[in-house]
Amino acid sequence: MKVVVDLQLCEGNARCVEAAPEVFEVGDDDKARLLTGSPAESLRDKLKLAVRMCPRQAIALKED
């Protein structure tokens, strides 16, 4: 599983950080950043929540 953040869409709302702080942070530019490119399978539910919570739909999960 791979996480993709579209930085053109991201507004830095940090909803992804609320859902999965192990995977996301918001940088100084107010854009979501990945802490890991290939998160553990055990985080799948949190990542799905982050995708749903993103108000701009800037996050996507891709299968390897």
C-alpha atoms as a PDB file:
ATOM      1  CA  MET A   1       0.000   0.000   0.000  1.00  0.00           C
ATOM      2  CA  LYS A   2       1.250   3.450  -0.931  1.00  0.00           C
ATOM      3  CA  VAL A   3      -0.095   6.815   0.186  1.00  0.00           C
ATOM      4  CA  VAL A   4      -0.195   9.721  -2.264  1.00  0.00           C
ATOM      5  CA  VAL A   5      -0.811  13.366  -1.333  1.00  0.00           C
ATOM      6  CA  ASP A   6      -1.740  15.791  -4.115  1.00  0.00           C
ATOM      7  CA  LEU A   7       0.015  18.958  -2.977  1.00  0.00           C
ATOM      8  CA  GLN A   8      -1.926  21.025  -5.524  1.00  0.00           C
ATOM      9  CA  LEU A   9      -5.155  20.148  -3.680  1.00  0.00           C
ATOM     10  CA  CYS A  10      -3.882  20.086  -0.090  1.00  0.00           C
ATOM     11  CA  GLU A  11      -4.882  23.097   2.031  1.00  0.00           C
ATOM     12  CA  GLY A  12      -3.154  21.997   5.235  1.00  0.00           C
ATOM     13  CA  ASN A  13      -6.371  21.338   7.166  1.00  0.00           C
ATOM     14  CA  ALA A  14      -4.487  18.622   9.125  1.00  0.00           C
ATOM     15  CA  ARG A  15      -7.451  16.263   9.201  1.00  0.00           C
ATOM     16  CA  CYS A  16      -5.081  13.549   7.984  1.00  0.00           C
ATOM     17  CA  VAL A  17      -2.839  14.189  10.993  1.00  0.00           C
ATOM     18  CA  GLU A  18      -5.855  13.744  13.274  1.00  0.00           C
ATOM     19  CA  ALA A  19      -6.675  10.416  11.642  1.00  0.00           C
ATOM     20  CA  ALA A  20      -3.155   8.986  11.216  1.00  0.00           C
ATOM     21  CA  PRO A  21      -0.429  10.936  13.043  1.00  0.00           C
ATOM     22  CA  GLU A  22       1.950   8.025  12.464  1.00  0.00           C
ATOM     23  CA  VAL A  23       1.842   8.741   8.729  1.00  0.00           C
ATOM     24  CA  PHE A  24       1.176  12.474   8.245  1.00  0.00           C
ATOM     25  CA  GLU A  25       2.459  15.833   9.414  1.00  0.00           C
ATOM     26  CA  VAL A  26       1.808  19.355   8.167  1.00  0.00           C
ATOM     27  CA  GLY A  27       4.922  21.212   7.040  1.00  0.00           C
ATOM     28  CA  ASP A  28       5.849  24.872   7.327  1.00  0.00           C
ATOM     29  CA  ASP A  29       4.234  25.405   3.928  1.00  0.00           C
ATOM     30  CA  ASP A  30       0.869  24.211   5.318  1.00  0.00           C
ATOM     31  CA  LYS A  31       0.928  21.093   3.143  1.00  0.00           C
ATOM     32  CA  ALA A  32       0.570  17.498   4.308  1.00  0.00           C
ATOM     33  CA  ARG A  33       3.800  15.520   4.342  1.00  0.00           C
ATOM     34  CA  LEU A  34       4.269  11.792   4.620  1.00  0.00           C
ATOM     35  CA  LEU A  35       6.348  10.450   7.460  1.00  0.00           C
ATOM     36  CA  THR A  36       6.537   7.127   5.611  1.00  0.00           C
ATOM     37  CA  GLY A  37       5.858   6.305   1.981  1.00  0.00           C
ATOM     38  CA  SER A  38       4.767   2.728   2.598  1.00  0.00           C
ATOM     39  CA  PRO A  39       2.946   2.521   5.938  1.00  0.00           C
ATOM     40  CA  ALA A  40       2.317  -0.724   7.774  1.00  0.00           C
ATOM     41  CA  GLU A  41      -0.782  -2.706   6.842  1.00  0.00           C
ATOM     42  CA  SER A  42      -1.987  -2.272  10.427  1.00  0.00           C
ATOM     43  CA  LEU A  43      -2.580   1.436   9.660  1.00  0.00           C
ATOM     44  CA  ARG A  44      -4.964   0.768   6.745  1.00  0.00           C
ATOM     45  CA  ASP A  45      -8.131   1.700   8.689  1.00  0.00           C
ATOM     46  CA  LYS A  46      -6.582   4.967   9.888  1.00  0.00           C
ATOM     47  CA  LEU A  47      -5.475   5.782   6.351  1.00  0.00           C
ATOM     48  CA  LYS A  48      -8.930   5.105   4.952  1.00  0.00           C
ATOM     49  CA  LEU A  49     -10.293   7.492   7.569  1.00  0.00           C
ATOM     50  CA  ALA A  50      -7.708  10.121   6.553  1.00  0.00           C
ATOM     51  CA  VAL A  51      -8.818   9.786   2.923  1.00  0.00           C
ATOM     52  CA  ARG A  52     -12.472  10.245   3.910  1.00  0.00           C
ATOM     53  CA  MET A  53     -11.742  13.169   6.259  1.00  0.00           C
ATOM     54  CA  CYS A  54      -9.698  15.205   3.777  1.00  0.00           C
ATOM     55  CA  PRO A  55     -11.961  18.088   2.729  1.00  0.00           C
ATOM     56  CA  ARG A  56     -10.145  18.469  -0.611  1.00  0.00           C
ATOM     57  CA  GLN A  57      -9.757  14.757  -1.422  1.00  0.00           C
ATOM     58  CA  ALA A  58      -6.011  15.334  -1.668  1.00  0.00           C
ATOM     59  CA  ILE A  59      -5.087  11.881  -0.283  1.00  0.00           C
ATOM     60  CA  ALA A  60      -5.254   8.580  -2.120  1.00  0.00           C
ATOM     61  CA  LEU A  61      -4.290   5.017  -1.280  1.00  0.00           C
ATOM     62  CA  LYS A  62      -2.661   2.964  -4.031  1.00  0.00           C
ATOM     63  CA  GLU A  63      -2.055  -0.755  -3.883  1.00  0.00           C
ATOM     64  CA  ASP A  64       1.524  -1.867  -4.573  1.00  0.00           C
END
